[in-house]
């Protein structure tokens, strides 16, 4: 005789197991290779809005299971406003736990035009964003020139890959549209990095860029003072353009758009020499060495 009670128990148990499987699957991480994402919970956001936003940013699989888990664990109305660093490898349960615990305070890092890699590395380590020398030693490659001047926000103890990714994404978004017009993108970036350190005023920069390219064309030493300082800082004399012909091996600073535009669009002229007036910081140009000596006597004598 068919046992209805036993059948109902088996059916209910099977349905429960099936639901549990779907529930667990729905809370698994999305596993999208997108790195860390800064997720914002605004004051007044309900857990339904938060779930929808998490799904939109591909941080959870199912807003339904996320909301259900939030309700069952008593977390639905305990999410704290603020900025969070989340990633798609986190499970829904982990994200709920993070949002209930509350945000870590992020840190503002301002990179200004002309700052070099070592200085920015120290700035990040002083703010506890990265360990000391993490940027300097990143994968054996120089990031000099690619840390685009801007205002950034990072969380303490951020993974170095995420920090570098933020810098590079910003560089390719803001600097590359200018650099793509150059015949040689990396060469233009190196020239821009020297201009950024050498020439304070935007209107003088295209002329100096023209002088640099002209010196390269006639195989004349660049003799740029900023490279001497950089060579001493990094302990590598090959950056010294008084000792070595041609461009330094890498950029010597992180230039802004003005210097990049000058390097990409140099102004041709008869000038071959320049110096900076110590009083006004204005760049003084000369066509030959005799004129240059006169300008040195006029502007640089003590």
Protein backbone atom coordinates (compact mmCIF):
# COMPACT_ATOMS: atom_id res chain seq x y z
CA UNK A 1 0.00 0.00 0.00
CA UNK A 2 1.35 3.44 -1.00
CA UNK A 3 2.54 5.40 2.03
CA UNK A 4 1.50 9.05 1.38
CA UNK A 5 3.04 10.30 4.59
CA UNK A 6 6.42 8.80 3.74
CA UNK A 7 6.20 10.18 0.20
CA UNK A 8 5.45 13.67 1.51
CA UNK A 9 8.41 13.48 3.89
CA UNK A 10 10.73 12.33 1.09
CA UNK A 11 9.41 15.01 -1.26
CA UNK A 12 9.78 17.72 1.37
CA UNK A 13 13.30 16.60 2.21
CA UNK A 14 14.26 16.50 -1.46
CA UNK A 15 12.77 19.93 -2.05
CA UNK A 16 14.63 21.24 0.98
CA UNK A 17 17.94 19.84 -0.23
CA UNK A 18 17.31 21.22 -3.71
CA UNK A 19 16.46 24.66 -2.31
CA UNK A 20 19.55 24.57 -0.11
CA UNK A 21 21.69 23.75 -3.16
CA UNK A 22 20.20 26.66 -5.09
CA UNK A 23 20.57 28.89 -2.04
CA UNK A 24 24.25 28.04 -1.61
CA UNK A 25 24.89 28.41 -5.36
CA UNK A 26 23.11 31.77 -5.36
CA UNK A 27 25.45 33.04 -2.65
CA UNK A 28 28.66 31.92 -4.37
CA UNK A 29 31.01 34.54 -5.78
CA UNK A 30 30.55 35.64 -9.37
CA UNK A 31 34.27 35.14 -10.13
CA UNK A 32 34.60 37.84 -12.75
CA UNK A 33 38.22 38.88 -13.35
CA UNK A 34 37.65 42.55 -12.55
CA UNK A 35 39.86 43.12 -9.51
CA UNK A 36 38.66 45.07 -6.50
CA UNK A 37 35.74 47.46 -6.87
CA UNK A 38 34.98 50.41 -4.62
CA UNK A 39 31.31 49.93 -3.68
CA UNK A 40 29.38 52.77 -2.08
CA UNK A 41 26.49 52.42 0.36
CA UNK A 42 24.74 55.75 0.79
CA UNK A 43 22.92 56.79 3.93
CA UNK A 44 19.28 55.75 3.56
CA UNK A 45 19.91 52.94 1.06
CA UNK A 46 17.70 49.93 1.78
CA UNK A 47 18.94 46.36 1.45
CA UNK A 48 16.88 45.92 -1.73
CA UNK A 49 18.63 48.89 -3.38
CA UNK A 50 21.98 47.60 -2.17
CA UNK A 51 21.27 44.13 -3.59
CA UNK A 52 20.28 45.62 -6.96
CA UNK A 53 23.44 47.73 -7.06
CA UNK A 54 25.62 44.74 -6.15
CA UNK A 55 24.09 42.74 -9.00
CA UNK A 56 24.54 45.65 -11.42
CA UNK A 57 28.25 45.77 -10.58
CA UNK A 58 28.46 41.96 -10.95
CA UNK A 59 29.41 41.40 -7.34
CA UNK A 60 26.60 38.91 -6.55
CA UNK A 61 24.85 36.22 -8.58
CA UNK A 62 21.31 36.66 -7.31
CA UNK A 63 19.73 39.60 -5.50
CA UNK A 64 16.93 37.26 -4.39
CA UNK A 65 19.21 34.92 -2.46
CA UNK A 66 21.27 37.87 -1.19
CA UNK A 67 18.14 39.52 0.22
CA UNK A 68 16.87 36.22 1.64
CA UNK A 69 20.19 35.55 3.37
CA UNK A 70 20.23 39.11 4.72
CA UNK A 71 16.75 38.67 6.21
CA UNK A 72 17.40 35.18 7.65
CA UNK A 73 20.61 36.33 9.36
CA UNK A 74 19.06 39.53 10.70
CA UNK A 75 21.47 41.63 8.63
CA UNK A 76 19.04 43.31 6.23
CA UNK A 77 18.78 46.57 8.17
CA UNK A 78 22.29 46.60 9.63
CA UNK A 79 24.32 47.60 6.56
CA UNK A 80 26.46 50.63 7.34
CA UNK A 81 26.92 53.51 4.86
CA UNK A 82 30.36 54.20 3.45
CA UNK A 83 32.86 53.00 0.84
CA UNK A 84 33.84 49.34 0.66
CA UNK A 85 36.47 47.47 -1.31
CA UNK A 86 34.73 44.38 -2.71
CA UNK A 87 35.50 41.86 -5.44
CA UNK A 88 33.60 39.24 -7.40
CA UNK A 89 35.39 36.35 -5.66
CA UNK A 90 33.58 37.17 -2.41
CA UNK A 91 30.52 35.08 -1.61
CA UNK A 92 27.21 36.79 -0.93
CA UNK A 93 27.56 35.79 2.72
CA UNK A 94 31.01 37.39 2.89
CA UNK A 95 29.69 40.62 1.36
CA UNK A 96 26.84 40.70 3.89
CA UNK A 97 29.40 40.28 6.68
CA UNK A 98 31.56 43.11 5.31
CA UNK A 99 28.60 45.49 4.95
CA UNK A 100 27.44 44.76 8.50
CA UNK A 101 30.94 45.24 9.94
CA UNK A 102 31.22 48.69 8.35
CA UNK A 103 33.66 50.41 5.97
CA UNK A 104 37.38 50.97 6.29
CA UNK A 105 38.34 54.60 5.88
CA UNK A 106 39.96 55.22 2.52
CA UNK A 107 42.98 57.48 2.05
CA UNK A 108 43.36 60.36 -0.41
CA UNK A 109 46.61 60.28 -2.38
CA UNK A 110 47.39 63.31 -4.52
CA UNK A 111 50.00 62.81 -7.25
CA UNK A 112 51.19 66.15 -8.63
CA UNK A 113 52.92 66.79 -11.94
CA UNK A 114 56.61 65.95 -11.87
CA UNK A 115 56.62 63.68 -8.83
CA UNK A 116 58.74 60.60 -9.41
CA UNK A 117 58.19 56.94 -8.62
CA UNK A 118 60.29 56.92 -5.45
CA UNK A 119 58.43 59.89 -4.00
CA UNK A 120 55.01 58.40 -4.79
CA UNK A 121 56.10 55.04 -3.37
CA UNK A 122 57.05 56.73 -0.09
CA UNK A 123 53.76 58.64 -0.05
CA UNK A 124 51.77 55.41 -0.42
CA UNK A 125 53.76 53.58 2.25
CA UNK A 126 53.49 56.53 4.66
CA UNK A 127 49.69 56.35 4.26
CA UNK A 128 49.75 52.55 4.85
CA UNK A 129 48.32 51.87 1.42
CA UNK A 130 51.32 49.74 0.36
CA UNK A 131 54.49 48.37 1.95
CA UNK A 132 57.65 50.40 1.32
CA UNK A 133 59.17 49.94 -2.16
CA UNK A 134 56.15 47.97 -3.41
CA UNK A 135 55.79 50.21 -6.48
CA UNK A 136 59.52 50.56 -7.03
CA UNK A 137 59.99 46.79 -7.18
CA UNK A 138 56.80 45.93 -9.04
CA UNK A 139 57.42 42.88 -11.26
CA UNK A 140 60.90 44.10 -12.16
CA UNK A 141 59.49 46.83 -14.41
CA UNK A 142 59.66 50.61 -14.10
CA UNK A 143 56.33 52.34 -13.57
CA UNK A 144 58.00 55.73 -13.89
CA UNK A 145 55.97 57.96 -16.18
CA UNK A 146 52.79 55.88 -15.89
CA UNK A 147 51.60 57.17 -12.49
CA UNK A 148 49.43 59.88 -13.97
CA UNK A 149 49.07 63.03 -11.81
CA UNK A 150 45.62 63.04 -10.24
CA UNK A 151 43.74 62.57 -6.97
CA UNK A 152 43.31 58.92 -6.00
CA UNK A 153 41.56 57.19 -3.11
CA UNK A 154 42.87 53.90 -1.75
CA UNK A 155 42.09 51.72 1.23
CA UNK A 156 44.87 50.85 3.69
CA UNK A 157 46.69 47.59 2.86
CA UNK A 158 45.45 47.49 -0.72
CA UNK A 159 46.95 44.80 -2.96
CA UNK A 160 49.75 46.24 -5.07
CA UNK A 161 48.17 44.85 -8.27
CA UNK A 162 45.01 46.84 -7.55
CA UNK A 163 46.95 50.06 -6.90
CA UNK A 164 48.97 49.64 -10.09
CA UNK A 165 45.79 48.80 -12.00
CA UNK A 166 44.16 52.03 -10.84
CA UNK A 167 47.17 54.07 -11.92
CA UNK A 168 47.47 52.38 -15.31
CA UNK A 169 43.75 52.60 -16.05
CA UNK A 170 43.85 56.33 -15.35
CA UNK A 171 46.99 56.75 -17.46
CA UNK A 172 45.46 54.97 -20.45
CA UNK A 173 42.23 56.90 -20.04
CA UNK A 174 43.74 60.40 -19.76
CA UNK A 175 47.29 60.35 -21.15
CA UNK A 176 47.14 57.84 -24.00
CA UNK A 177 44.64 59.84 -26.10
CA UNK A 178 47.38 62.51 -26.32
CA UNK A 179 50.35 60.13 -26.67
CA UNK A 180 48.92 58.06 -29.53
CA UNK A 181 49.69 60.95 -31.90
CA UNK A 182 53.43 60.55 -31.22
CA UNK A 183 55.69 58.66 -33.63
CA UNK A 184 57.15 56.83 -30.63
CA UNK A 185 54.89 56.80 -27.58
CA UNK A 186 57.49 55.79 -24.99
CA UNK A 187 60.06 58.24 -26.33
CA UNK A 188 57.47 61.03 -26.11
CA UNK A 189 56.70 60.01 -22.51
CA UNK A 190 60.40 60.21 -21.62
CA UNK A 191 60.69 63.65 -23.22
CA UNK A 192 57.54 64.80 -21.42
CA UNK A 193 58.97 63.65 -18.09
CA UNK A 194 62.07 65.80 -18.61
CA UNK A 195 60.04 68.81 -19.74
CA UNK A 196 57.86 68.49 -16.63
CA UNK A 197 60.92 68.82 -14.40
CA UNK A 198 62.76 71.43 -16.48
CA UNK A 199 60.17 73.92 -17.72
CA UNK A 200 57.67 75.56 -15.33
CA UNK A 201 55.57 77.52 -17.84
CA UNK A 202 53.30 75.82 -20.36
CA UNK A 203 54.03 78.32 -23.14
CA UNK A 204 57.77 77.50 -23.05
CA UNK A 205 57.38 73.74 -23.19
CA UNK A 206 56.83 73.12 -26.94
CA UNK A 207 60.00 75.12 -27.73
CA UNK A 208 62.05 73.08 -25.25
CA UNK A 209 60.59 69.88 -26.72
CA UNK A 210 61.73 71.08 -30.14
CA UNK A 211 65.25 71.69 -28.80
CA UNK A 212 65.40 68.20 -27.28
CA UNK A 213 64.38 66.52 -30.55
CA UNK A 214 66.78 68.72 -32.50
CA UNK A 215 69.68 67.75 -30.23
CA UNK A 216 68.78 64.09 -30.62
CA UNK A 217 68.72 64.48 -34.41
CA UNK A 218 72.23 65.98 -34.55
CA UNK A 219 73.63 63.57 -31.94
CA UNK A 220 74.25 66.32 -29.41
CA UNK A 221 74.18 65.57 -25.66
CA UNK A 222 70.87 66.65 -24.13
CA UNK A 223 72.58 67.99 -20.99
CA UNK A 224 69.36 68.27 -19.01
CA UNK A 225 69.97 69.13 -15.36
CA UNK A 226 66.94 67.21 -14.08
CA UNK A 227 68.44 63.94 -15.34
CA UNK A 228 71.55 64.50 -13.22
CA UNK A 229 69.41 64.79 -10.09
CA UNK A 230 67.44 61.70 -11.04
CA UNK A 231 70.61 59.70 -11.73
CA UNK A 232 71.83 60.48 -8.21
CA UNK A 233 68.45 59.59 -6.70
CA UNK A 234 68.20 56.16 -8.32
CA UNK A 235 71.94 55.47 -8.26
CA UNK A 236 72.27 54.94 -12.00
CA UNK A 237 74.57 57.20 -14.01
CA UNK A 238 72.98 56.14 -17.31
CA UNK A 239 70.23 58.67 -16.60
CA UNK A 240 72.80 61.49 -16.63
CA UNK A 241 72.41 63.15 -20.04
CA UNK A 242 75.67 65.03 -19.53
CA UNK A 243 77.56 61.73 -19.42
CA UNK A 244 75.49 59.73 -21.91
CA UNK A 245 74.11 60.61 -25.33
CA UNK A 246 70.46 60.11 -26.19
CA UNK A 247 67.44 59.74 -23.95
CA UNK A 248 67.59 58.32 -20.44
CA UNK A 249 66.47 54.66 -20.14
CA UNK A 250 63.02 55.52 -18.72
CA UNK A 251 61.01 58.61 -17.84
CA UNK A 252 62.39 60.56 -14.88
CA UNK A 253 59.05 61.78 -13.52
CA UNK A 254 55.32 61.44 -14.02
CA UNK A 255 54.26 64.23 -16.38
CA UNK A 256 50.89 65.91 -16.75
CA UNK A 257 49.00 66.69 -19.93
CA UNK A 258 50.76 70.00 -20.64
CA UNK A 259 54.20 68.37 -20.79
CA UNK A 260 52.84 65.39 -22.73
CA UNK A 261 51.24 67.66 -25.33
CA UNK A 262 54.51 69.57 -25.72
CA UNK A 263 56.44 66.33 -26.25
CA UNK A 264 53.92 65.11 -28.83
CA UNK A 265 53.64 68.49 -30.59
CA UNK A 266 57.10 70.13 -30.36
CA UNK A 267 57.64 73.59 -31.81
CA UNK A 268 60.40 73.82 -34.39
CA UNK A 269 62.78 76.77 -34.10
CA UNK A 270 66.37 77.88 -34.61
CA UNK A 271 67.02 77.56 -30.87
CA UNK A 272 69.49 74.99 -29.61
CA UNK A 273 70.08 76.14 -26.02
CA UNK A 274 67.98 77.30 -23.09
CA UNK A 275 68.24 78.13 -19.41
CA UNK A 276 65.87 79.12 -16.63
CA UNK A 277 65.90 82.57 -15.09
CA UNK A 278 66.28 81.86 -11.34
CA UNK A 279 64.17 84.90 -10.44
CA UNK A 280 61.20 84.55 -12.80
CA UNK A 281 61.53 80.82 -13.68
CA UNK A 282 61.03 81.91 -17.28
CA UNK A 283 62.91 79.90 -19.93
CA UNK A 284 65.48 81.91 -21.88
CA UNK A 285 66.35 80.63 -25.36
CA UNK A 286 69.43 81.07 -27.55
CA UNK A 287 70.34 79.96 -31.07
CA UNK A 288 74.02 79.20 -30.57
CA UNK A 289 76.57 78.66 -27.85
CA UNK A 290 77.80 82.27 -27.93
CA UNK A 291 74.29 83.56 -27.23
CA UNK A 292 73.90 80.92 -24.55
CA UNK A 293 77.10 82.07 -22.81
CA UNK A 294 75.83 85.65 -22.87
CA UNK A 295 72.52 84.55 -21.34
CA UNK A 296 74.33 82.56 -18.66
CA UNK A 297 76.34 85.67 -17.78
CA UNK A 298 73.22 87.80 -17.77
CA UNK A 299 70.88 85.53 -15.81
CA UNK A 300 73.00 83.09 -13.81
CA UNK A 301 75.90 85.13 -12.48
CA UNK A 302 75.84 85.61 -8.74
